[in-house]
């Protein structure tokens, strides 16, 4: 099986008038199709910078990055990127927010509209498709933002603290819903989060970055003895506490 994503000794350096800042150093890992990878680490270690590099928003300073076997700079298929804020346009309905990317790319076909309607029903937003963002709760807005991202049929989905703006209870519900659906649909996903419980409960693997310059300090394959694993049921697994304590020590000593 060819990995969908391959990083080989990836590094990134910021250049400012004050000098150079080494943000990332010698990052190497692969992601297989359908995998859900969580990335954790101390603040300022370069987690979001790494996502920006994968998304093509920042250039590599060194190393190699391949997506489906192609160099990042030549890869043209869409990559989904969901940020902390939903960035919904308040003057467009939920449906017209979701279709915005397809409209810009002139890809709003009948098939695309059917796919959007199906996702709206799956995510419980079909009845709110003609409402405006201000009428929706924070969790519903995040679901709408995810549908907008998935409407472009990305080969890879990047999530940068997508639930951090939500209150704790809503965060648990939304993470469980979205995580379960992404797993069911087999969407390859990379999640950056400060919440270790979230990283473990949602991820097939958890990657731990060190303090700046961020390096790959540790990697954990998450194997939990629960039936019909979801982010919520994962937290009840007997192994969950052990993973949490081990990863916490890695981050605390990073």
C-alpha atoms as a PDB file:
ATOM      1  CA  UNK A   1       0.000   0.000   0.000  1.00  0.00           C
ATOM      2  CA  UNK A   2       1.467   3.348  -1.031  1.00  0.00           C
ATOM      3  CA  UNK A   3       1.289   5.941   1.757  1.00  0.00           C
ATOM      4  CA  UNK A   4      -0.859   8.934   0.952  1.00  0.00           C
ATOM      5  CA  UNK A   5       1.660  11.174   2.725  1.00  0.00           C
ATOM      6  CA  UNK A   6       5.428  10.788   3.158  1.00  0.00           C
ATOM      7  CA  UNK A   7       7.706  13.185   5.042  1.00  0.00           C
ATOM      8  CA  UNK A   8      11.455  12.638   4.939  1.00  0.00           C
ATOM      9  CA  UNK A   9      13.672  14.849   7.151  1.00  0.00           C
ATOM     10  CA  UNK A  10      11.344  17.822   6.718  1.00  0.00           C
ATOM     11  CA  UNK A  11      12.520  21.057   8.270  1.00  0.00           C
ATOM     12  CA  UNK A  12      11.404  24.664   8.289  1.00  0.00           C
ATOM     13  CA  UNK A  13      13.207  27.884   9.214  1.00  0.00           C
ATOM     14  CA  UNK A  14      11.634  31.300   9.649  1.00  0.00           C
ATOM     15  CA  UNK A  15      13.704  34.210   8.391  1.00  0.00           C
ATOM     16  CA  UNK A  16      13.145  37.599  10.039  1.00  0.00           C
ATOM     17  CA  UNK A  17      15.127  40.797  10.450  1.00  0.00           C
ATOM     18  CA  UNK A  18      16.197  39.453  13.859  1.00  0.00           C
ATOM     19  CA  UNK A  19      17.669  36.325  12.323  1.00  0.00           C
ATOM     20  CA  UNK A  20      16.698  32.703  11.730  1.00  0.00           C
ATOM     21  CA  UNK A  21      14.270  30.661  13.825  1.00  0.00           C
ATOM     22  CA  UNK A  22      14.383  26.912  13.356  1.00  0.00           C
ATOM     23  CA  UNK A  23      10.762  25.781  13.748  1.00  0.00           C
ATOM     24  CA  UNK A  24      10.951  22.153  12.581  1.00  0.00           C
ATOM     25  CA  UNK A  25      13.858  19.757  12.217  1.00  0.00           C
ATOM     26  CA  UNK A  26      14.181  16.295  10.629  1.00  0.00           C
ATOM     27  CA  UNK A  27      10.485  15.338  10.710  1.00  0.00           C
ATOM     28  CA  UNK A  28       9.939  11.918   9.103  1.00  0.00           C
ATOM     29  CA  UNK A  29       6.730   9.856   9.080  1.00  0.00           C
ATOM     30  CA  UNK A  30       4.194   8.342   6.692  1.00  0.00           C
ATOM     31  CA  UNK A  31       0.401   8.285   6.667  1.00  0.00           C
ATOM     32  CA  UNK A  32      -1.522   5.447   5.018  1.00  0.00           C
ATOM     33  CA  UNK A  33      -4.890   5.872   3.249  1.00  0.00           C
ATOM     34  CA  UNK A  34      -7.749   5.993   5.750  1.00  0.00           C
ATOM     35  CA  UNK A  35      -5.508   6.582   8.781  1.00  0.00           C
ATOM     36  CA  UNK A  36      -6.308   9.128  11.462  1.00  0.00           C
ATOM     37  CA  UNK A  37      -3.124  10.687  12.859  1.00  0.00           C
ATOM     38  CA  UNK A  38      -3.062  12.954  15.919  1.00  0.00           C
ATOM     39  CA  UNK A  39      -0.140  15.327  16.517  1.00  0.00           C
ATOM     40  CA  UNK A  40       0.549  16.747  19.978  1.00  0.00           C
ATOM     41  CA  UNK A  41       3.382  18.672  21.594  1.00  0.00           C
ATOM     42  CA  UNK A  42       4.130  21.735  23.715  1.00  0.00           C
ATOM     43  CA  UNK A  43       2.995  25.184  22.598  1.00  0.00           C
ATOM     44  CA  UNK A  44       5.229  26.687  19.935  1.00  0.00           C
ATOM     45  CA  UNK A  45       6.718  23.373  18.814  1.00  0.00           C
ATOM     46  CA  UNK A  46       5.613  23.805  15.192  1.00  0.00           C
ATOM     47  CA  UNK A  47       2.446  21.692  14.978  1.00  0.00           C
ATOM     48  CA  UNK A  48       0.480  24.257  12.968  1.00  0.00           C
ATOM     49  CA  UNK A  49       3.558  25.086  10.901  1.00  0.00           C
ATOM     50  CA  UNK A  50       3.759  21.415   9.940  1.00  0.00           C
ATOM     51  CA  UNK A  51       0.131  21.440   8.776  1.00  0.00           C
ATOM     52  CA  UNK A  52       0.775  24.610   6.777  1.00  0.00           C
ATOM     53  CA  UNK A  53       3.676  22.893   5.026  1.00  0.00           C
ATOM     54  CA  UNK A  54       1.567  19.835   4.212  1.00  0.00           C
ATOM     55  CA  UNK A  55      -1.210  22.114   2.924  1.00  0.00           C
ATOM     56  CA  UNK A  56       1.267  23.915   0.676  1.00  0.00           C
ATOM     57  CA  UNK A  57       0.891  27.256   2.455  1.00  0.00           C
ATOM     58  CA  UNK A  58       4.552  27.264   3.487  1.00  0.00           C
ATOM     59  CA  UNK A  59       7.523  25.978   1.484  1.00  0.00           C
ATOM     60  CA  UNK A  60       9.927  23.342   2.746  1.00  0.00           C
ATOM     61  CA  UNK A  61      13.254  24.637   4.008  1.00  0.00           C
ATOM     62  CA  UNK A  62      14.734  21.154   3.707  1.00  0.00           C
ATOM     63  CA  UNK A  63      13.708  17.543   3.250  1.00  0.00           C
ATOM     64  CA  UNK A  64      11.076  15.948   1.020  1.00  0.00           C
ATOM     65  CA  UNK A  65       7.293  15.766   1.199  1.00  0.00           C
ATOM     66  CA  UNK A  66       5.276  13.502  -1.112  1.00  0.00           C
ATOM     67  CA  UNK A  67       1.503  13.192  -1.466  1.00  0.00           C
ATOM     68  CA  UNK A  68       0.363  10.086  -3.315  1.00  0.00           C
ATOM     69  CA  UNK A  69       3.946   9.732  -4.502  1.00  0.00           C
ATOM     70  CA  UNK A  70       4.159  13.242  -5.955  1.00  0.00           C
ATOM     71  CA  UNK A  71       6.207  16.189  -4.637  1.00  0.00           C
ATOM     72  CA  UNK A  72       3.995  18.639  -2.731  1.00  0.00           C
ATOM     73  CA  UNK A  73       4.748  21.462  -5.159  1.00  0.00           C
ATOM     74  CA  UNK A  74       3.410  19.457  -8.126  1.00  0.00           C
ATOM     75  CA  UNK A  75       0.435  17.816  -6.381  1.00  0.00           C
ATOM     76  CA  UNK A  76      -2.785  19.417  -7.610  1.00  0.00           C
ATOM     77  CA  UNK A  77      -5.601  17.458  -5.949  1.00  0.00           C
ATOM     78  CA  UNK A  78      -7.514  19.282  -3.179  1.00  0.00           C
ATOM     79  CA  UNK A  79      -6.375  19.043   0.430  1.00  0.00           C
ATOM     80  CA  UNK A  80      -8.948  19.931   3.077  1.00  0.00           C
ATOM     81  CA  UNK A  81      -7.891  22.296   5.861  1.00  0.00           C
ATOM     82  CA  UNK A  82     -10.169  23.047   8.798  1.00  0.00           C
ATOM     83  CA  UNK A  83      -9.025  25.711  11.284  1.00  0.00           C
ATOM     84  CA  UNK A  84      -9.940  26.697  14.828  1.00  0.00           C
ATOM     85  CA  UNK A  85     -12.537  29.215  13.602  1.00  0.00           C
ATOM     86  CA  UNK A  86     -15.255  28.155  11.179  1.00  0.00           C
ATOM     87  CA  UNK A  87     -14.849  31.291   8.976  1.00  0.00           C
ATOM     88  CA  UNK A  88     -18.446  31.004   7.759  1.00  0.00           C
ATOM     89  CA  UNK A  89     -19.637  34.069   5.868  1.00  0.00           C
ATOM     90  CA  UNK A  90     -22.465  35.603   7.885  1.00  0.00           C
ATOM     91  CA  UNK A  91     -24.285  36.965   4.806  1.00  0.00           C
ATOM     92  CA  UNK A  92     -24.537  33.566   3.097  1.00  0.00           C
ATOM     93  CA  UNK A  93     -26.844  30.759   4.145  1.00  0.00           C
ATOM     94  CA  UNK A  94     -25.343  27.521   5.444  1.00  0.00           C
ATOM     95  CA  UNK A  95     -25.947  25.877   2.081  1.00  0.00           C
ATOM     96  CA  UNK A  96     -24.314  28.737   0.168  1.00  0.00           C
ATOM     97  CA  UNK A  97     -21.369  28.716   2.596  1.00  0.00           C
ATOM     98  CA  UNK A  98     -20.870  25.034   1.889  1.00  0.00           C
ATOM     99  CA  UNK A  99     -21.030  25.481  -1.884  1.00  0.00           C
ATOM    100  CA  UNK A 100     -18.665  28.487  -1.950  1.00  0.00           C
ATOM    101  CA  UNK A 101     -15.511  26.526  -2.785  1.00  0.00           C
ATOM    102  CA  UNK A 102     -17.260  24.560  -5.502  1.00  0.00           C
ATOM    103  CA  UNK A 103     -18.679  27.756  -6.981  1.00  0.00           C
ATOM    104  CA  UNK A 104     -15.210  29.328  -7.100  1.00  0.00           C
ATOM    105  CA  UNK A 105     -13.807  26.225  -8.817  1.00  0.00           C
ATOM    106  CA  UNK A 106     -16.849  25.982 -11.094  1.00  0.00           C
ATOM    107  CA  UNK A 107     -17.498  22.428  -9.879  1.00  0.00           C
ATOM    108  CA  UNK A 108     -21.011  22.832  -8.440  1.00  0.00           C
ATOM    109  CA  UNK A 109     -22.487  19.968 -10.435  1.00  0.00           C
ATOM    110  CA  UNK A 110     -25.669  17.981  -9.780  1.00  0.00           C
ATOM    111  CA  UNK A 111     -23.536  15.171  -8.327  1.00  0.00           C
ATOM    112  CA  UNK A 112     -21.819  17.641  -5.998  1.00  0.00           C
ATOM    113  CA  UNK A 113     -25.196  18.985  -4.846  1.00  0.00           C
ATOM    114  CA  UNK A 114     -26.406  15.447  -4.109  1.00  0.00           C
ATOM    115  CA  UNK A 115     -23.267  14.801  -2.074  1.00  0.00           C
ATOM    116  CA  UNK A 116     -23.803  18.002  -0.090  1.00  0.00           C
ATOM    117  CA  UNK A 117     -27.443  17.112   0.632  1.00  0.00           C
ATOM    118  CA  UNK A 118     -26.335  13.668   1.819  1.00  0.00           C
ATOM    119  CA  UNK A 119     -23.719  15.161   4.173  1.00  0.00           C
ATOM    120  CA  UNK A 120     -26.182  17.747   5.486  1.00  0.00           C
ATOM    121  CA  UNK A 121     -28.512  14.896   6.441  1.00  0.00           C
ATOM    122  CA  UNK A 122     -25.695  12.801   7.931  1.00  0.00           C
ATOM    123  CA  UNK A 123     -24.434  15.709  10.041  1.00  0.00           C
ATOM    124  CA  UNK A 124     -27.950  16.739  11.134  1.00  0.00           C
ATOM    125  CA  UNK A 125     -27.943  20.084   9.328  1.00  0.00           C
ATOM    126  CA  UNK A 126     -30.351  19.487   6.452  1.00  0.00           C
ATOM    127  CA  UNK A 127     -33.184  21.367   8.169  1.00  0.00           C
ATOM    128  CA  UNK A 128     -30.849  24.333   8.710  1.00  0.00           C
ATOM    129  CA  UNK A 129     -29.454  24.557   5.171  1.00  0.00           C
ATOM    130  CA  UNK A 130     -31.296  27.848   4.508  1.00  0.00           C
ATOM    131  CA  UNK A 131     -30.461  29.364   7.896  1.00  0.00           C
ATOM    132  CA  UNK A 132     -27.638  31.840   8.446  1.00  0.00           C
ATOM    133  CA  UNK A 133     -24.555  31.077  10.569  1.00  0.00           C
ATOM    134  CA  UNK A 134     -25.741  33.337  13.401  1.00  0.00           C
ATOM    135  CA  UNK A 135     -28.729  31.033  13.915  1.00  0.00           C
ATOM    136  CA  UNK A 136     -26.541  27.970  14.589  1.00  0.00           C
ATOM    137  CA  UNK A 137     -24.751  26.797  17.723  1.00  0.00           C
ATOM    138  CA  UNK A 138     -20.969  26.575  17.778  1.00  0.00           C
ATOM    139  CA  UNK A 139     -21.054  22.828  17.246  1.00  0.00           C
ATOM    140  CA  UNK A 140     -23.414  23.119  14.296  1.00  0.00           C
ATOM    141  CA  UNK A 141     -21.210  25.791  12.730  1.00  0.00           C
ATOM    142  CA  UNK A 142     -18.206  23.479  12.976  1.00  0.00           C
ATOM    143  CA  UNK A 143     -20.179  20.695  11.291  1.00  0.00           C
ATOM    144  CA  UNK A 144     -21.074  23.108   8.492  1.00  0.00           C
ATOM    145  CA  UNK A 145     -17.412  24.099   8.133  1.00  0.00           C
ATOM    146  CA  UNK A 146     -16.450  20.424   7.877  1.00  0.00           C
ATOM    147  CA  UNK A 147     -19.067  19.763   5.179  1.00  0.00           C
ATOM    148  CA  UNK A 148     -17.739  22.785   3.260  1.00  0.00           C
ATOM    149  CA  UNK A 149     -14.264  21.250   3.443  1.00  0.00           C
ATOM    150  CA  UNK A 150     -15.373  17.730   2.485  1.00  0.00           C
ATOM    151  CA  UNK A 151     -17.518  19.016  -0.395  1.00  0.00           C
ATOM    152  CA  UNK A 152     -14.293  19.475  -2.384  1.00  0.00           C
ATOM    153  CA  UNK A 153     -13.546  15.723  -2.008  1.00  0.00           C
ATOM    154  CA  UNK A 154     -10.060  16.231  -0.550  1.00  0.00           C
ATOM    155  CA  UNK A 155      -7.578  13.372  -0.659  1.00  0.00           C
ATOM    156  CA  UNK A 156      -6.309  14.439   2.763  1.00  0.00           C
ATOM    157  CA  UNK A 157      -7.996  16.327   5.599  1.00  0.00           C
ATOM    158  CA  UNK A 158      -6.023  18.566   7.969  1.00  0.00           C
ATOM    159  CA  UNK A 159      -7.608  19.645  11.267  1.00  0.00           C
ATOM    160  CA  UNK A 160      -5.925  22.392  13.314  1.00  0.00           C
ATOM    161  CA  UNK A 161      -7.538  22.517  16.769  1.00  0.00           C
ATOM    162  CA  UNK A 162     -11.006  22.466  15.134  1.00  0.00           C
ATOM    163  CA  UNK A 163     -12.935  22.043  18.401  1.00  0.00           C
ATOM    164  CA  UNK A 164     -10.944  24.364  20.674  1.00  0.00           C
ATOM    165  CA  UNK A 165     -13.452  27.240  20.479  1.00  0.00           C
ATOM    166  CA  UNK A 166     -16.292  25.051  21.780  1.00  0.00           C
ATOM    167  CA  UNK A 167     -17.320  24.536  25.389  1.00  0.00           C
ATOM    168  CA  UNK A 168     -16.193  21.213  26.865  1.00  0.00           C
ATOM    169  CA  UNK A 169     -19.498  19.330  26.587  1.00  0.00           C
ATOM    170  CA  UNK A 170     -20.129  20.491  23.011  1.00  0.00           C
ATOM    171  CA  UNK A 171     -16.509  19.686  22.143  1.00  0.00           C
ATOM    172  CA  UNK A 172     -16.957  16.070  23.283  1.00  0.00           C
ATOM    173  CA  UNK A 173     -20.168  15.653  21.277  1.00  0.00           C
ATOM    174  CA  UNK A 174     -18.815  17.261  18.099  1.00  0.00           C
ATOM    175  CA  UNK A 175     -15.498  15.393  18.261  1.00  0.00           C
ATOM    176  CA  UNK A 176     -17.373  12.124  18.691  1.00  0.00           C
ATOM    177  CA  UNK A 177     -19.735  12.825  15.790  1.00  0.00           C
ATOM    178  CA  UNK A 178     -17.110  14.101  13.391  1.00  0.00           C
ATOM    179  CA  UNK A 179     -14.494  11.529  14.370  1.00  0.00           C
ATOM    180  CA  UNK A 180     -16.926   8.650  13.915  1.00  0.00           C
ATOM    181  CA  UNK A 181     -18.074   9.861  10.502  1.00  0.00           C
ATOM    182  CA  UNK A 182     -14.512  10.427   9.243  1.00  0.00           C
ATOM    183  CA  UNK A 183     -13.569   6.906  10.314  1.00  0.00           C
ATOM    184  CA  UNK A 184     -16.680   5.393   8.713  1.00  0.00           C
ATOM    185  CA  UNK A 185     -15.950   7.183   5.441  1.00  0.00           C
ATOM    186  CA  UNK A 186     -12.271   6.257   5.547  1.00  0.00           C
ATOM    187  CA  UNK A 187     -11.070   9.853   5.146  1.00  0.00           C
ATOM    188  CA  UNK A 188      -7.332  10.214   5.748  1.00  0.00           C
ATOM    189  CA  UNK A 189      -6.998  12.794   8.515  1.00  0.00           C
ATOM    190  CA  UNK A 190      -4.275  14.591  10.464  1.00  0.00           C
ATOM    191  CA  UNK A 191      -5.390  16.335  13.666  1.00  0.00           C
ATOM    192  CA  UNK A 192      -3.331  18.863  15.609  1.00  0.00           C
ATOM    193  CA  UNK A 193      -4.548  19.313  19.173  1.00  0.00           C
ATOM    194  CA  UNK A 194      -3.402  20.284  22.667  1.00  0.00           C
ATOM    195  CA  UNK A 195      -5.995  17.927  24.180  1.00  0.00           C
ATOM    196  CA  UNK A 196      -4.256  14.599  24.821  1.00  0.00           C
ATOM    197  CA  UNK A 197      -7.537  12.792  25.518  1.00  0.00           C
ATOM    198  CA  UNK A 198      -8.877  14.014  22.186  1.00  0.00           C
ATOM    199  CA  UNK A 199      -5.699  12.918  20.396  1.00  0.00           C
ATOM    200  CA  UNK A 200      -5.837   9.404  21.865  1.00  0.00           C
ATOM    201  CA  UNK A 201      -9.579   8.888  21.508  1.00  0.00           C
ATOM    202  CA  UNK A 202      -9.654   9.950  17.851  1.00  0.00           C
ATOM    203  CA  UNK A 203      -6.279   8.785  16.541  1.00  0.00           C
ATOM    204  CA  UNK A 204      -4.993   5.516  15.137  1.00  0.00           C
ATOM    205  CA  UNK A 205      -1.555   6.887  15.972  1.00  0.00           C
ATOM    206  CA  UNK A 206      -0.341   9.787  18.106  1.00  0.00           C
ATOM    207  CA  UNK A 207       2.852  11.633  17.126  1.00  0.00           C
ATOM    208  CA  UNK A 208       4.594  13.700  19.810  1.00  0.00           C
ATOM    209  CA  UNK A 209       6.724  16.684  18.788  1.00  0.00           C
ATOM    210  CA  UNK A 210       9.491  18.090  20.956  1.00  0.00           C
ATOM    211  CA  UNK A 211       9.975  21.733  21.910  1.00  0.00           C
ATOM    212  CA  UNK A 212      11.221  24.051  19.164  1.00  0.00           C
ATOM    213  CA  UNK A 213      12.760  23.178  16.874  1.00  0.00           C
ATOM    214  CA  UNK A 214      10.074  20.528  16.677  1.00  0.00           C
ATOM    215  CA  UNK A 215      11.345  17.007  16.089  1.00  0.00           C
ATOM    216  CA  UNK A 216       9.439  13.721  16.161  1.00  0.00           C
ATOM    217  CA  UNK A 217      10.050  12.742  19.785  1.00  0.00           C
ATOM    218  CA  UNK A 218       7.761   9.701  20.074  1.00  0.00           C
ATOM    219  CA  UNK A 219       5.051   7.770  18.257  1.00  0.00           C
ATOM    220  CA  UNK A 220       2.250   5.668  19.748  1.00  0.00           C
ATOM    221  CA  UNK A 221       0.007   3.213  17.912  1.00  0.00           C
ATOM    222  CA  UNK A 222      -3.324   3.357  19.707  1.00  0.00           C
ATOM    223  CA  UNK A 223      -4.860  -0.061  20.328  1.00  0.00           C
ATOM    224  CA  UNK A 224      -7.916  -0.039  22.578  1.00  0.00           C
ATOM    225  CA  UNK A 225      -9.978  -3.046  23.642  1.00  0.00           C
ATOM    226  CA  UNK A 226     -13.441  -1.631  22.977  1.00  0.00           C
ATOM    227  CA  UNK A 227     -16.052  -2.852  20.534  1.00  0.00           C
ATOM    228  CA  UNK A 228     -17.295  -0.437  17.882  1.00  0.00           C
ATOM    229  CA  UNK A 229     -14.629   2.100  18.760  1.00  0.00           C
ATOM    230  CA  UNK A 230     -15.635   5.761  18.617  1.00  0.00           C
ATOM    231  CA  UNK A 231     -13.950   8.775  20.225  1.00  0.00           C
ATOM    232  CA  UNK A 232     -16.409   8.527  23.108  1.00  0.00           C
ATOM    233  CA  UNK A 233     -16.122   4.775  23.747  1.00  0.00           C
ATOM    234  CA  UNK A 234     -12.324   5.003  23.439  1.00  0.00           C
ATOM    235  CA  UNK A 235     -12.177   6.997  26.668  1.00  0.00           C
ATOM    236  CA  UNK A 236     -13.652   4.027  28.544  1.00  0.00           C
ATOM    237  CA  UNK A 237     -11.015   1.561  27.380  1.00  0.00           C
ATOM    238  CA  UNK A 238      -8.766   0.168  30.166  1.00  0.00           C
ATOM    239  CA  UNK A 239      -5.660   1.082  28.124  1.00  0.00           C
ATOM    240  CA  UNK A 240      -6.693   4.725  27.726  1.00  0.00           C
ATOM    241  CA  UNK A 241      -5.204   5.900  31.027  1.00  0.00           C
ATOM    242  CA  UNK A 242      -1.854   4.244  30.262  1.00  0.00           C
ATOM    243  CA  UNK A 243      -1.621   5.964  26.879  1.00  0.00           C
ATOM    244  CA  UNK A 244      -2.565   9.284  28.445  1.00  0.00           C
ATOM    245  CA  UNK A 245       0.071   9.043  31.189  1.00  0.00           C
ATOM    246  CA  UNK A 246       2.806   7.959  28.771  1.00  0.00           C
ATOM    247  CA  UNK A 247       2.063  10.701  26.230  1.00  0.00           C
ATOM    248  CA  UNK A 248       1.702  13.323  28.970  1.00  0.00           C
ATOM    249  CA  UNK A 249       5.217  12.478  30.216  1.00  0.00           C
ATOM    250  CA  UNK A 250       6.564  12.850  26.676  1.00  0.00           C
ATOM    251  CA  UNK A 251       4.933  16.261  26.212  1.00  0.00           C
ATOM    252  CA  UNK A 252       5.809  17.476  29.724  1.00  0.00           C
ATOM    253  CA  UNK A 253       9.473  16.590  29.187  1.00  0.00           C
ATOM    254  CA  UNK A 254       9.620  17.814  25.602  1.00  0.00           C
END
